[in-house]
Structure formats: structure tokens, C-alpha cells
Amino acid sequence: MRTIALLAPLALGGCAALGIGGPPERWIDARLPAAPREELWTVVRASLHKAEFPRVEVNPVEGIATTGWFVSGHPFARQTFRERAHVRLETEEEGVVPISLRVERERNTTVRSPLDLEKAKWKRIEDSVERAQFVLYQIGALLKNPRLPGP
């Protein structure tokens, strides 16, 4: 009987009942012109900042960066979303550096007070491909015109 009780959530709702799964990750790939790693990370940081992502944490050894959550509330629609960017810089090959970028999205599912972040219950939704493409465009534009904005 105990086994049936443990397997019931899987039978009723699959992995979603356990909070596992959700939409697939949508990584957008691009190729950047070769440049010193430090310069590439400076451009990535500037582009993410320009796209209003807070607090960029870079791990240059692993070649990854993650931002803090950008929260956007829509009071008339009674919805709140948050987005966080993930960046991977690969090893340079033949004069280019492969880059992958993903913008993870979540929606606040609290119905009574969707704008109250203290009571928010976040659910993962489709990644924002458009926002990832926008950040990659910013990165490419800054590399072509290396005058970086000040802090």
C-alpha cells in the first residue's frame, strides 16, 4: 500500500507533480571574433547590464556567467515574471569563440497578490529566445565597436 501512495503522484501528473521537468532549455548559439578572454567577458558584462540584468557572476575558469533575476511586474495584467541569463564561452577555435546564451523565465503563480515578491511562488516557463538574441546582438555590436560604456 505504501508503494502505491509513493507512485501515485507519478501516475497522476508525471514528473511535473514532483516539480521536475518543465519546458526545455533554449540555448542560442553564436560565434564571436577571437579576442582576449578578459575583453570578451567585459563585453558580455556590458551587454547584460545594458539589457537590465542585475549582478553578473562570471566564472572564467569554467567559461560561464549567470546573472541575478530581472523582475518585471505587470499590474494591470496581474502578472509578474522574472528572467535570468546564462552564458557559456567555449574555447577559441580557428579565430572564433563559440558562445551560447539562454534567458531563463519564471512566472509568479500567486493569484491573490502576483506583485508581492515576498509571497511569490515561481514556476518555470518557456525561455525567452528573443531576449537571448537581443543580448547576443548587443555583444556582437560592442565587439565591432569596442568603445564600451562606463560603469
Protein backbone atom coordinates (compact mmCIF):
# COMPACT_ATOMS: atom_id res chain seq x y z
CA MET A 1 0.00 0.00 0.00
CA ARG A 2 2.87 2.38 0.79
CA THR A 3 4.36 1.79 -2.68
CA ILE A 4 1.08 2.79 -4.33
CA ALA A 5 0.98 6.02 -2.30
CA LEU A 6 4.54 6.88 -3.40
CA LEU A 7 3.87 6.15 -7.08
CA ALA A 8 0.51 7.96 -7.23
CA PRO A 9 1.99 11.41 -7.98
CA LEU A 10 3.89 9.94 -10.94
CA ALA A 11 0.78 8.27 -12.31
CA LEU A 12 -1.43 11.35 -11.84
CA GLY A 13 0.81 14.10 -13.08
CA GLY A 14 4.09 12.63 -14.22
CA CYS A 15 7.31 14.41 -13.33
CA ALA A 16 5.55 17.78 -13.15
CA ALA A 17 3.78 16.65 -9.95
CA LEU A 18 7.19 16.37 -8.30
CA GLY A 19 8.39 19.72 -9.62
CA ILE A 20 10.74 18.07 -12.13
CA GLY A 21 10.86 18.90 -15.79
CA GLY A 22 9.20 21.88 -17.36
CA PRO A 23 9.93 23.39 -20.74
CA PRO A 24 13.27 22.53 -22.38
CA GLU A 25 16.21 24.89 -22.11
CA ARG A 26 16.59 27.04 -25.26
CA TRP A 27 20.25 27.92 -25.78
CA ILE A 28 21.06 30.31 -28.63
CA ASP A 29 24.47 29.77 -30.22
CA ALA A 30 26.70 32.29 -31.98
CA ARG A 31 30.35 32.71 -32.96
CA LEU A 32 32.34 35.75 -31.86
CA PRO A 33 35.55 37.05 -33.39
CA ALA A 34 38.57 35.93 -31.40
CA ALA A 35 39.63 38.39 -28.70
CA PRO A 36 41.33 38.15 -25.31
CA ARG A 37 39.09 36.34 -22.82
CA GLU A 38 39.04 39.29 -20.41
CA GLU A 39 37.82 41.58 -23.20
CA LEU A 40 35.08 39.11 -24.16
CA TRP A 41 33.86 38.90 -20.55
CA THR A 42 33.88 42.71 -20.32
CA VAL A 43 31.68 42.89 -23.42
CA VAL A 44 29.37 40.16 -22.07
CA ARG A 45 29.00 42.02 -18.76
CA ALA A 46 28.32 45.34 -20.52
CA SER A 47 25.71 43.74 -22.80
CA LEU A 48 23.91 42.03 -19.93
CA HIS A 49 23.95 45.28 -17.95
CA LYS A 50 22.52 47.15 -20.95
CA ALA A 51 19.74 44.53 -21.12
CA GLU A 52 18.97 45.34 -17.43
CA PHE A 53 20.16 42.06 -15.95
CA PRO A 54 21.50 42.67 -12.44
CA ARG A 55 24.62 41.22 -10.83
CA VAL A 56 26.62 39.25 -13.38
CA GLU A 57 28.70 36.49 -11.80
CA VAL A 58 31.46 35.19 -14.06
CA ASN A 59 33.48 32.01 -13.60
CA PRO A 60 36.27 32.47 -16.17
CA VAL A 61 37.83 29.09 -15.41
CA GLU A 62 34.65 27.22 -16.39
CA GLY A 63 33.73 29.80 -19.04
CA ILE A 64 30.26 30.52 -17.65
CA ALA A 65 28.35 33.52 -16.35
CA THR A 66 24.98 33.83 -14.62
CA THR A 67 23.02 36.97 -13.82
CA GLY A 68 20.70 37.81 -10.99
CA TRP A 69 16.95 37.85 -11.60
CA PHE A 70 15.41 40.73 -13.57
CA VAL A 71 11.84 41.07 -12.25
CA SER A 72 9.09 42.72 -14.27
CA GLY A 73 5.62 43.28 -12.87
CA HIS A 74 2.55 43.93 -14.97
CA PRO A 75 -0.02 45.37 -12.52
CA PHE A 76 -2.94 45.66 -14.93
CA ALA A 77 -2.48 42.10 -16.15
CA ARG A 78 -1.86 40.99 -12.53
CA GLN A 79 1.25 39.06 -13.57
CA THR A 80 4.90 39.10 -12.58
CA PHE A 81 7.76 37.49 -14.46
CA ARG A 82 11.45 37.16 -13.78
CA GLU A 83 14.35 36.40 -16.10
CA ARG A 84 17.93 35.31 -15.59
CA ALA A 85 20.64 34.98 -18.25
CA HIS A 86 23.19 32.16 -18.55
CA VAL A 87 26.26 32.49 -20.80
CA ARG A 88 28.83 29.92 -21.92
CA LEU A 89 32.04 30.91 -23.70
CA GLU A 90 33.81 27.99 -25.35
CA THR A 91 37.49 27.63 -26.25
CA GLU A 92 38.68 29.63 -29.25
CA GLU A 93 38.87 27.65 -32.48
CA GLU A 94 40.11 28.92 -35.86
CA GLY A 95 39.78 32.61 -34.99
CA VAL A 96 36.29 32.44 -33.47
CA VAL A 97 34.91 31.88 -29.98
CA PRO A 98 31.65 29.91 -29.75
CA ILE A 99 29.16 31.46 -27.30
CA SER A 100 25.83 30.11 -26.05
CA LEU A 101 23.24 32.20 -24.24
CA ARG A 102 19.97 31.33 -22.57
CA VAL A 103 17.40 33.54 -20.83
CA GLU A 104 15.50 31.52 -18.27
CA ARG A 105 11.96 32.75 -17.43
CA GLU A 106 9.64 32.16 -14.50
CA ARG A 107 6.12 33.40 -13.75
CA ASN A 108 4.69 34.14 -10.33
CA THR A 109 1.75 31.79 -9.86
CA THR A 110 0.38 33.53 -6.76
CA VAL A 111 -3.13 34.54 -7.81
CA ARG A 112 -4.15 36.78 -4.92
CA SER A 113 -1.12 39.07 -4.96
CA PRO A 114 1.04 38.44 -8.03
CA LEU A 115 3.07 41.63 -7.48
CA ASP A 116 4.03 40.78 -3.88
CA LEU A 117 7.50 39.23 -4.31
CA GLU A 118 7.62 38.15 -0.64
CA LYS A 119 4.75 35.70 -1.28
CA ALA A 120 5.76 34.75 -4.82
CA LYS A 121 5.67 31.14 -5.98
CA TRP A 122 7.68 30.87 -9.18
CA LYS A 123 7.01 28.40 -11.99
CA ARG A 124 9.39 27.87 -14.88
CA ILE A 125 8.00 28.80 -18.30
CA GLU A 126 9.45 28.91 -21.84
CA ASP A 127 12.88 30.54 -22.14
CA SER A 128 12.96 33.95 -23.84
CA VAL A 129 14.66 33.29 -27.18
CA GLU A 130 14.04 36.89 -28.27
CA ARG A 131 15.80 38.33 -25.22
CA ALA A 132 18.75 35.95 -25.69
CA GLN A 133 19.05 37.02 -29.33
CA PHE A 134 18.94 40.68 -28.28
CA VAL A 135 21.82 40.20 -25.81
CA LEU A 136 23.86 38.32 -28.43
CA TYR A 137 23.24 41.17 -30.87
CA GLN A 138 24.48 43.65 -28.22
CA ILE A 139 27.62 41.55 -27.67
CA GLY A 140 28.34 41.45 -31.41
CA ALA A 141 27.73 45.19 -31.78
CA LEU A 142 30.11 46.03 -28.92
CA LEU A 143 32.82 43.80 -30.37
CA LYS A 144 32.59 45.61 -33.70
CA ASN A 145 32.63 48.99 -31.95
CA PRO A 146 34.85 48.42 -28.90
CA ARG A 147 34.05 51.70 -27.12
CA LEU A 148 32.46 50.20 -24.03
CA PRO A 149 30.08 52.19 -21.85
CA GLY A 150 31.45 53.22 -18.47
CA PRO A 151 30.29 51.62 -15.21
